[in-house]
């Protein structure tokens, strides 16, 4: 079995694949202060609870947090006895990285682009709702040509609350009205509906530059929240896209 680990700025998502089936997944908070031993004990106990600690034989890591990549790689070797493939621009992929500096492309974006090319019709645009909202774009020649990175909805909500004295903290949820009837509704409308309007506009501009319509794939925690407010609906919502993409890359690099 394969353990897939996606290390993001806010959360670490883990999944175990039995052949092509994702049989278990977990999410925990990213904490750069944890030691490799703490992560090792945690991961071993997590797998032991589901009787998988003896069955997982390989791991693949997609990470945008440099401080944790090596820690978790060492933890997996020390506590589970397994080696890890670290995803980067240097490994074999099913796409061509056509950006100015491929070494600057985040592992999560490489994974998303590879998954899009493997699972869907290209050209494709992956909209990933994480700490940042990112667009990862693959053209019809299966070339990763770049994308867009902007502040995610949680960042926007936190910024509004922390930088203004009268605005409250809030949980991201779908607003009932565009015109907010109170402060919280007004904030949610600006964040969620404003984000949706931005996505509609950016997809339009990306397709204009590509010269053709693209397959639009959404992933990440807030994709379901925002989907109802788009004029151009997502063609697919795949919450496990990043995990699946990492598995695809592991198989290509065995």
C-alpha atoms as a PDB file:
ATOM      1  CA  UNK A   1       0.000   0.000   0.000  1.00  0.00           C
ATOM      2  CA  UNK A   2       1.052   3.580  -0.636  1.00  0.00           C
ATOM      3  CA  UNK A   3       0.975   6.442   1.864  1.00  0.00           C
ATOM      4  CA  UNK A   4       0.486   9.839   0.217  1.00  0.00           C
ATOM      5  CA  UNK A   5       1.291  12.984   2.204  1.00  0.00           C
ATOM      6  CA  UNK A   6       0.368  16.483   1.009  1.00  0.00           C
ATOM      7  CA  UNK A   7       2.016  19.096   3.246  1.00  0.00           C
ATOM      8  CA  UNK A   8       0.323  22.469   2.916  1.00  0.00           C
ATOM      9  CA  UNK A   9       0.794  25.727   4.766  1.00  0.00           C
ATOM     10  CA  UNK A  10      -2.309  25.193   6.911  1.00  0.00           C
ATOM     11  CA  UNK A  11      -3.020  21.456   6.808  1.00  0.00           C
ATOM     12  CA  UNK A  12      -1.304  18.160   6.130  1.00  0.00           C
ATOM     13  CA  UNK A  13      -3.511  15.730   4.223  1.00  0.00           C
ATOM     14  CA  UNK A  14      -2.679  12.025   4.286  1.00  0.00           C
ATOM     15  CA  UNK A  15      -4.137   9.149   2.329  1.00  0.00           C
ATOM     16  CA  UNK A  16      -3.530   5.439   1.929  1.00  0.00           C
ATOM     17  CA  UNK A  17      -4.056   3.812  -1.454  1.00  0.00           C
ATOM     18  CA  UNK A  18      -4.674   0.122  -1.954  1.00  0.00           C
ATOM     19  CA  UNK A  19      -3.909  -0.184  -5.645  1.00  0.00           C
ATOM     20  CA  UNK A  20      -6.130   2.535  -7.189  1.00  0.00           C
ATOM     21  CA  UNK A  21      -8.526   2.918  -4.256  1.00  0.00           C
ATOM     22  CA  UNK A  22      -8.120   5.607  -1.602  1.00  0.00           C
ATOM     23  CA  UNK A  23      -9.117   3.565   1.452  1.00  0.00           C
ATOM     24  CA  UNK A  24      -8.327   6.043   4.251  1.00  0.00           C
ATOM     25  CA  UNK A  25      -7.565   9.743   4.525  1.00  0.00           C
ATOM     26  CA  UNK A  26      -6.829  12.157   7.359  1.00  0.00           C
ATOM     27  CA  UNK A  27      -6.207  15.862   7.853  1.00  0.00           C
ATOM     28  CA  UNK A  28      -4.095  17.476  10.565  1.00  0.00           C
ATOM     29  CA  UNK A  29      -2.821  20.969  11.256  1.00  0.00           C
ATOM     30  CA  UNK A  30       0.592  21.875   9.874  1.00  0.00           C
ATOM     31  CA  UNK A  31       3.041  22.474  12.725  1.00  0.00           C
ATOM     32  CA  UNK A  32       6.660  23.231  11.877  1.00  0.00           C
ATOM     33  CA  UNK A  33       7.592  23.067  15.574  1.00  0.00           C
ATOM     34  CA  UNK A  34       6.970  19.324  15.796  1.00  0.00           C
ATOM     35  CA  UNK A  35      10.103  17.179  15.683  1.00  0.00           C
ATOM     36  CA  UNK A  36      10.696  14.260  13.340  1.00  0.00           C
ATOM     37  CA  UNK A  37      10.149  11.925  16.312  1.00  0.00           C
ATOM     38  CA  UNK A  38       6.797  13.523  17.125  1.00  0.00           C
ATOM     39  CA  UNK A  39       5.683  13.147  13.527  1.00  0.00           C
ATOM     40  CA  UNK A  40       7.037   9.596  13.402  1.00  0.00           C
ATOM     41  CA  UNK A  41       5.148   8.467  16.513  1.00  0.00           C
ATOM     42  CA  UNK A  42       1.996  10.224  15.318  1.00  0.00           C
ATOM     43  CA  UNK A  43       2.099   8.631  11.857  1.00  0.00           C
ATOM     44  CA  UNK A  44       2.843   5.166  13.227  1.00  0.00           C
ATOM     45  CA  UNK A  45      -0.045   5.376  15.701  1.00  0.00           C
ATOM     46  CA  UNK A  46      -2.378   6.749  13.029  1.00  0.00           C
ATOM     47  CA  UNK A  47      -1.699   3.809  10.741  1.00  0.00           C
ATOM     48  CA  UNK A  48      -1.777   1.327  13.611  1.00  0.00           C
ATOM     49  CA  UNK A  49      -5.308   2.422  14.564  1.00  0.00           C
ATOM     50  CA  UNK A  50      -6.503   1.341  11.115  1.00  0.00           C
ATOM     51  CA  UNK A  51      -4.299  -1.786  11.052  1.00  0.00           C
ATOM     52  CA  UNK A  52      -2.256  -0.399   8.192  1.00  0.00           C
ATOM     53  CA  UNK A  53       1.137   0.096   9.842  1.00  0.00           C
ATOM     54  CA  UNK A  54       2.397  -3.276   8.547  1.00  0.00           C
ATOM     55  CA  UNK A  55       0.834  -2.887   5.100  1.00  0.00           C
ATOM     56  CA  UNK A  56       2.145   0.494   3.967  1.00  0.00           C
ATOM     57  CA  UNK A  57       5.381  -0.143   2.074  1.00  0.00           C
ATOM     58  CA  UNK A  58       6.007   3.126   0.233  1.00  0.00           C
ATOM     59  CA  UNK A  59       5.333   6.838   0.574  1.00  0.00           C
ATOM     60  CA  UNK A  60       5.204   9.904  -1.638  1.00  0.00           C
ATOM     61  CA  UNK A  61       5.417  13.449  -0.291  1.00  0.00           C
ATOM     62  CA  UNK A  62       4.141  16.647  -1.899  1.00  0.00           C
ATOM     63  CA  UNK A  63       5.236  19.594   0.227  1.00  0.00           C
ATOM     64  CA  UNK A  64       5.228  23.373   0.082  1.00  0.00           C
ATOM     65  CA  UNK A  65       6.668  23.669   3.608  1.00  0.00           C
ATOM     66  CA  UNK A  66      10.426  23.201   3.282  1.00  0.00           C
ATOM     67  CA  UNK A  67      10.931  22.930   7.065  1.00  0.00           C
ATOM     68  CA  UNK A  68       8.742  19.803   7.196  1.00  0.00           C
ATOM     69  CA  UNK A  69       9.727  17.912   4.060  1.00  0.00           C
ATOM     70  CA  UNK A  70      12.901  16.355   5.449  1.00  0.00           C
ATOM     71  CA  UNK A  71      11.428  15.903   8.941  1.00  0.00           C
ATOM     72  CA  UNK A  72       8.598  13.761   7.665  1.00  0.00           C
ATOM     73  CA  UNK A  73      10.829  11.898   5.231  1.00  0.00           C
ATOM     74  CA  UNK A  74      13.127  10.945   8.146  1.00  0.00           C
ATOM     75  CA  UNK A  75      10.140  10.120  10.383  1.00  0.00           C
ATOM     76  CA  UNK A  76       8.742   7.684   7.822  1.00  0.00           C
ATOM     77  CA  UNK A  77      12.083   5.927   7.444  1.00  0.00           C
ATOM     78  CA  UNK A  78      12.791   5.812  11.190  1.00  0.00           C
ATOM     79  CA  UNK A  79       9.375   4.751  12.493  1.00  0.00           C
ATOM     80  CA  UNK A  80       7.798   2.893   9.564  1.00  0.00           C
ATOM     81  CA  UNK A  81      10.883   1.716   7.699  1.00  0.00           C
ATOM     82  CA  UNK A  82       9.715   3.091   4.353  1.00  0.00           C
ATOM     83  CA  UNK A  83      11.395   5.289   1.760  1.00  0.00           C
ATOM     84  CA  UNK A  84       9.681   8.328   0.265  1.00  0.00           C
ATOM     85  CA  UNK A  85       9.523   9.896  -3.169  1.00  0.00           C
ATOM     86  CA  UNK A  86       9.720  13.693  -2.843  1.00  0.00           C
ATOM     87  CA  UNK A  87       7.815  15.452  -5.600  1.00  0.00           C
ATOM     88  CA  UNK A  88       9.664  18.271  -7.369  1.00  0.00           C
ATOM     89  CA  UNK A  89      10.259  19.607 -10.869  1.00  0.00           C
ATOM     90  CA  UNK A  90      13.094  17.068 -11.232  1.00  0.00           C
ATOM     91  CA  UNK A  91      11.012  13.887 -11.261  1.00  0.00           C
ATOM     92  CA  UNK A  92       9.384  12.214 -14.255  1.00  0.00           C
ATOM     93  CA  UNK A  93       5.926  13.566 -15.066  1.00  0.00           C
ATOM     94  CA  UNK A  94       3.232  13.249 -17.722  1.00  0.00           C
ATOM     95  CA  UNK A  95       3.440  16.958 -18.522  1.00  0.00           C
ATOM     96  CA  UNK A  96       6.081  19.416 -19.725  1.00  0.00           C
ATOM     97  CA  UNK A  97       6.863  22.284 -17.364  1.00  0.00           C
ATOM     98  CA  UNK A  98       6.790  25.350 -19.613  1.00  0.00           C
ATOM     99  CA  UNK A  99       7.369  28.152 -17.117  1.00  0.00           C
ATOM    100  CA  UNK A 100      10.229  30.623 -16.790  1.00  0.00           C
ATOM    101  CA  UNK A 101      11.698  28.780 -13.792  1.00  0.00           C
ATOM    102  CA  UNK A 102      10.327  25.260 -13.162  1.00  0.00           C
ATOM    103  CA  UNK A 103      12.247  25.017  -9.870  1.00  0.00           C
ATOM    104  CA  UNK A 104       9.894  27.637  -8.415  1.00  0.00           C
ATOM    105  CA  UNK A 105       6.731  25.633  -9.093  1.00  0.00           C
ATOM    106  CA  UNK A 106       5.220  24.293  -5.873  1.00  0.00           C
ATOM    107  CA  UNK A 107       4.926  20.526  -5.589  1.00  0.00           C
ATOM    108  CA  UNK A 108       1.165  20.809  -5.079  1.00  0.00           C
ATOM    109  CA  UNK A 109       0.804  22.645  -8.375  1.00  0.00           C
ATOM    110  CA  UNK A 110       2.854  20.030 -10.241  1.00  0.00           C
ATOM    111  CA  UNK A 111       0.675  17.320  -8.706  1.00  0.00           C
ATOM    112  CA  UNK A 112      -2.564  19.089  -9.635  1.00  0.00           C
ATOM    113  CA  UNK A 113      -1.415  19.648 -13.215  1.00  0.00           C
ATOM    114  CA  UNK A 114      -0.347  16.014 -13.608  1.00  0.00           C
ATOM    115  CA  UNK A 115      -3.651  14.781 -12.206  1.00  0.00           C
ATOM    116  CA  UNK A 116      -5.592  17.039 -14.559  1.00  0.00           C
ATOM    117  CA  UNK A 117      -3.661  15.761 -17.576  1.00  0.00           C
ATOM    118  CA  UNK A 118      -4.101  12.124 -16.504  1.00  0.00           C
ATOM    119  CA  UNK A 119      -7.768  12.200 -15.515  1.00  0.00           C
ATOM    120  CA  UNK A 120      -9.425  14.856 -17.687  1.00  0.00           C
ATOM    121  CA  UNK A 121      -9.439  16.384 -21.147  1.00  0.00           C
ATOM    122  CA  UNK A 122      -6.909  19.157 -21.713  1.00  0.00           C
ATOM    123  CA  UNK A 123      -6.632  22.093 -21.854  1.00  0.00           C
ATOM    124  CA  UNK A 124      -7.519  22.111 -18.191  1.00  0.00           C
ATOM    125  CA  UNK A 125      -7.598  24.635 -15.386  1.00  0.00           C
ATOM    126  CA  UNK A 126      -7.355  23.371 -11.814  1.00  0.00           C
ATOM    127  CA  UNK A 127      -8.672  25.794  -9.181  1.00  0.00           C
ATOM    128  CA  UNK A 128      -7.272  24.761  -5.808  1.00  0.00           C
ATOM    129  CA  UNK A 129      -8.883  26.316  -2.732  1.00  0.00           C
ATOM    130  CA  UNK A 130      -6.220  26.154  -0.043  1.00  0.00           C
ATOM    131  CA  UNK A 131      -4.497  28.787   2.070  1.00  0.00           C
ATOM    132  CA  UNK A 132      -4.042  30.475  -1.289  1.00  0.00           C
ATOM    133  CA  UNK A 133      -6.407  30.024  -4.205  1.00  0.00           C
ATOM    134  CA  UNK A 134      -4.308  28.856  -7.136  1.00  0.00           C
ATOM    135  CA  UNK A 135      -4.999  28.213 -10.811  1.00  0.00           C
ATOM    136  CA  UNK A 136      -2.837  25.537 -12.428  1.00  0.00           C
ATOM    137  CA  UNK A 137      -3.141  25.526 -16.200  1.00  0.00           C
ATOM    138  CA  UNK A 138      -2.311  22.742 -18.664  1.00  0.00           C
ATOM    139  CA  UNK A 139      -2.698  23.428 -22.378  1.00  0.00           C
ATOM    140  CA  UNK A 140      -3.858  20.985 -25.058  1.00  0.00           C
ATOM    141  CA  UNK A 141      -0.263  19.807 -25.569  1.00  0.00           C
ATOM    142  CA  UNK A 142      -0.119  18.745 -21.903  1.00  0.00           C
ATOM    143  CA  UNK A 143       2.245  21.580 -21.075  1.00  0.00           C
ATOM    144  CA  UNK A 144       2.020  23.243 -17.674  1.00  0.00           C
ATOM    145  CA  UNK A 145       2.104  26.852 -18.824  1.00  0.00           C
ATOM    146  CA  UNK A 146       1.712  28.566 -15.462  1.00  0.00           C
ATOM    147  CA  UNK A 147      -1.203  29.899 -13.521  1.00  0.00           C
ATOM    148  CA  UNK A 148      -2.446  32.339 -10.933  1.00  0.00           C
ATOM    149  CA  UNK A 149      -1.976  32.586  -7.174  1.00  0.00           C
ATOM    150  CA  UNK A 150      -4.166  34.824  -5.025  1.00  0.00           C
ATOM    151  CA  UNK A 151      -5.159  35.086  -1.383  1.00  0.00           C
ATOM    152  CA  UNK A 152      -7.566  32.369  -0.325  1.00  0.00           C
ATOM    153  CA  UNK A 153     -10.902  33.016   1.341  1.00  0.00           C
ATOM    154  CA  UNK A 154      -9.600  32.224   4.834  1.00  0.00           C
ATOM    155  CA  UNK A 155      -6.770  34.734   4.374  1.00  0.00           C
ATOM    156  CA  UNK A 156      -9.307  37.348   3.300  1.00  0.00           C
ATOM    157  CA  UNK A 157     -11.522  36.663   6.301  1.00  0.00           C
ATOM    158  CA  UNK A 158      -8.592  36.783   8.720  1.00  0.00           C
ATOM    159  CA  UNK A 159      -7.297  40.006   7.164  1.00  0.00           C
ATOM    160  CA  UNK A 160     -10.661  41.733   7.472  1.00  0.00           C
ATOM    161  CA  UNK A 161     -10.951  40.716  11.129  1.00  0.00           C
ATOM    162  CA  UNK A 162      -7.372  41.538  12.136  1.00  0.00           C
ATOM    163  CA  UNK A 163      -6.904  44.796  10.245  1.00  0.00           C
ATOM    164  CA  UNK A 164     -10.186  46.444  11.219  1.00  0.00           C
ATOM    165  CA  UNK A 165     -11.367  47.188  14.733  1.00  0.00           C
ATOM    166  CA  UNK A 166     -15.101  46.593  14.296  1.00  0.00           C
ATOM    167  CA  UNK A 167     -15.291  43.567  12.004  1.00  0.00           C
ATOM    168  CA  UNK A 168     -15.756  40.161  13.692  1.00  0.00           C
ATOM    169  CA  UNK A 169     -14.037  36.866  13.041  1.00  0.00           C
ATOM    170  CA  UNK A 170     -16.203  34.489  11.064  1.00  0.00           C
ATOM    171  CA  UNK A 171     -16.430  31.028   9.582  1.00  0.00           C
ATOM    172  CA  UNK A 172     -16.537  30.799   5.810  1.00  0.00           C
ATOM    173  CA  UNK A 173     -20.002  29.753   4.679  1.00  0.00           C
ATOM    174  CA  UNK A 174     -22.370  30.482   1.847  1.00  0.00           C
ATOM    175  CA  UNK A 175     -24.137  33.862   2.157  1.00  0.00           C
ATOM    176  CA  UNK A 176     -27.886  33.945   1.513  1.00  0.00           C
ATOM    177  CA  UNK A 177     -27.909  37.359  -0.168  1.00  0.00           C
ATOM    178  CA  UNK A 178     -25.518  39.382  -2.296  1.00  0.00           C
ATOM    179  CA  UNK A 179     -26.493  42.532  -0.391  1.00  0.00           C
ATOM    180  CA  UNK A 180     -25.567  41.777   3.196  1.00  0.00           C
ATOM    181  CA  UNK A 181     -28.220  42.783   5.734  1.00  0.00           C
ATOM    182  CA  UNK A 182     -25.741  42.848   8.585  1.00  0.00           C
ATOM    183  CA  UNK A 183     -21.975  42.997   9.010  1.00  0.00           C
ATOM    184  CA  UNK A 184     -21.377  39.247   8.897  1.00  0.00           C
ATOM    185  CA  UNK A 185     -23.555  38.803   5.791  1.00  0.00           C
ATOM    186  CA  UNK A 186     -21.744  41.699   4.118  1.00  0.00           C
ATOM    187  CA  UNK A 187     -18.342  40.147   4.882  1.00  0.00           C
ATOM    188  CA  UNK A 188     -19.396  36.694   3.684  1.00  0.00           C
ATOM    189  CA  UNK A 189     -20.838  38.119   0.480  1.00  0.00           C
ATOM    190  CA  UNK A 190     -17.640  40.014  -0.211  1.00  0.00           C
ATOM    191  CA  UNK A 191     -15.474  36.990   0.485  1.00  0.00           C
ATOM    192  CA  UNK A 192     -17.493  34.177  -1.110  1.00  0.00           C
ATOM    193  CA  UNK A 193     -19.396  35.939  -3.897  1.00  0.00           C
ATOM    194  CA  UNK A 194     -16.444  38.227  -4.536  1.00  0.00           C
ATOM    195  CA  UNK A 195     -14.168  35.191  -4.834  1.00  0.00           C
ATOM    196  CA  UNK A 196     -16.636  33.575  -7.240  1.00  0.00           C
ATOM    197  CA  UNK A 197     -16.734  36.695  -9.425  1.00  0.00           C
ATOM    198  CA  UNK A 198     -12.937  36.761  -9.467  1.00  0.00           C
ATOM    199  CA  UNK A 199     -12.790  33.095 -10.501  1.00  0.00           C
ATOM    200  CA  UNK A 200     -15.330  33.648 -13.292  1.00  0.00           C
ATOM    201  CA  UNK A 201     -13.330  36.574 -14.603  1.00  0.00           C
ATOM    202  CA  UNK A 202      -9.961  34.837 -14.408  1.00  0.00           C
ATOM    203  CA  UNK A 203     -11.241  31.671 -16.098  1.00  0.00           C
ATOM    204  CA  UNK A 204     -12.584  33.833 -18.929  1.00  0.00           C
ATOM    205  CA  UNK A 205      -9.201  35.545 -19.337  1.00  0.00           C
ATOM    206  CA  UNK A 206      -7.252  32.267 -19.126  1.00  0.00           C
ATOM    207  CA  UNK A 207      -9.410  30.676 -21.818  1.00  0.00           C
ATOM    208  CA  UNK A 208      -8.954  33.774 -23.968  1.00  0.00           C
ATOM    209  CA  UNK A 209      -5.181  33.397 -23.719  1.00  0.00           C
ATOM    210  CA  UNK A 210      -5.350  29.633 -24.328  1.00  0.00           C
ATOM    211  CA  UNK A 211      -7.521  30.273 -27.370  1.00  0.00           C
ATOM    212  CA  UNK A 212     -10.063  27.585 -26.476  1.00  0.00           C
ATOM    213  CA  UNK A 213     -12.403  26.358 -23.775  1.00  0.00           C
ATOM    214  CA  UNK A 214     -10.827  24.417 -20.953  1.00  0.00           C
ATOM    215  CA  UNK A 215     -11.957  21.705 -18.564  1.00  0.00           C
ATOM    216  CA  UNK A 216     -12.406  23.353 -15.169  1.00  0.00           C
ATOM    217  CA  UNK A 217     -11.567  21.215 -12.126  1.00  0.00           C
ATOM    218  CA  UNK A 218     -11.935  22.349  -8.518  1.00  0.00           C
ATOM    219  CA  UNK A 219     -10.265  20.904  -5.474  1.00  0.00           C
ATOM    220  CA  UNK A 220      -9.639  21.997  -1.898  1.00  0.00           C
ATOM    221  CA  UNK A 221     -11.805  22.634   1.129  1.00  0.00           C
ATOM    222  CA  UNK A 222     -13.877  25.581  -0.109  1.00  0.00           C
ATOM    223  CA  UNK A 223     -14.685  24.327  -3.614  1.00  0.00           C
ATOM    224  CA  UNK A 224     -18.191  23.167  -2.653  1.00  0.00           C
ATOM    225  CA  UNK A 225     -18.949  26.444  -0.833  1.00  0.00           C
ATOM    226  CA  UNK A 226     -18.228  28.592  -3.851  1.00  0.00           C
ATOM    227  CA  UNK A 227     -19.506  26.412  -6.696  1.00  0.00           C
ATOM    228  CA  UNK A 228     -23.108  27.640  -6.469  1.00  0.00           C
ATOM    229  CA  UNK A 229     -22.076  31.251  -7.089  1.00  0.00           C
ATOM    230  CA  UNK A 230     -20.217  30.763 -10.355  1.00  0.00           C
ATOM    231  CA  UNK A 231     -21.622  31.710 -13.730  1.00  0.00           C
ATOM    232  CA  UNK A 232     -19.239  29.238 -15.363  1.00  0.00           C
ATOM    233  CA  UNK A 233     -19.746  26.079 -13.300  1.00  0.00           C
ATOM    234  CA  UNK A 234     -16.897  23.731 -12.497  1.00  0.00           C
ATOM    235  CA  UNK A 235     -16.873  20.724 -14.811  1.00  0.00           C
ATOM    236  CA  UNK A 236     -15.594  18.576 -11.960  1.00  0.00           C
ATOM    237  CA  UNK A 237     -15.104  18.887  -8.203  1.00  0.00           C
ATOM    238  CA  UNK A 238     -12.487  16.403  -7.022  1.00  0.00           C
ATOM    239  CA  UNK A 239     -11.560  16.849  -3.341  1.00  0.00           C
ATOM    240  CA  UNK A 240      -8.891  14.119  -3.599  1.00  0.00           C
ATOM    241  CA  UNK A 241      -7.202  15.469  -6.737  1.00  0.00           C
ATOM    242  CA  UNK A 242      -3.873  16.262  -5.064  1.00  0.00           C
ATOM    243  CA  UNK A 243      -3.615  12.868  -3.366  1.00  0.00           C
ATOM    244  CA  UNK A 244      -4.513  11.088  -6.603  1.00  0.00           C
ATOM    245  CA  UNK A 245      -1.983  13.153  -8.545  1.00  0.00           C
ATOM    246  CA  UNK A 246       0.780  12.291  -6.082  1.00  0.00           C
ATOM    247  CA  UNK A 247      -0.071   8.598  -6.459  1.00  0.00           C
ATOM    248  CA  UNK A 248       0.079   8.923 -10.247  1.00  0.00           C
ATOM    249  CA  UNK A 249       3.544  10.474 -10.011  1.00  0.00           C
ATOM    250  CA  UNK A 250       4.734   7.779  -7.623  1.00  0.00           C
ATOM    251  CA  UNK A 251       3.691   5.093 -10.119  1.00  0.00           C
ATOM    252  CA  UNK A 252       5.537   6.902 -12.900  1.00  0.00           C
ATOM    253  CA  UNK A 253       8.748   7.104 -10.852  1.00  0.00           C
ATOM    254  CA  UNK A 254       8.929   3.594  -9.348  1.00  0.00           C
END
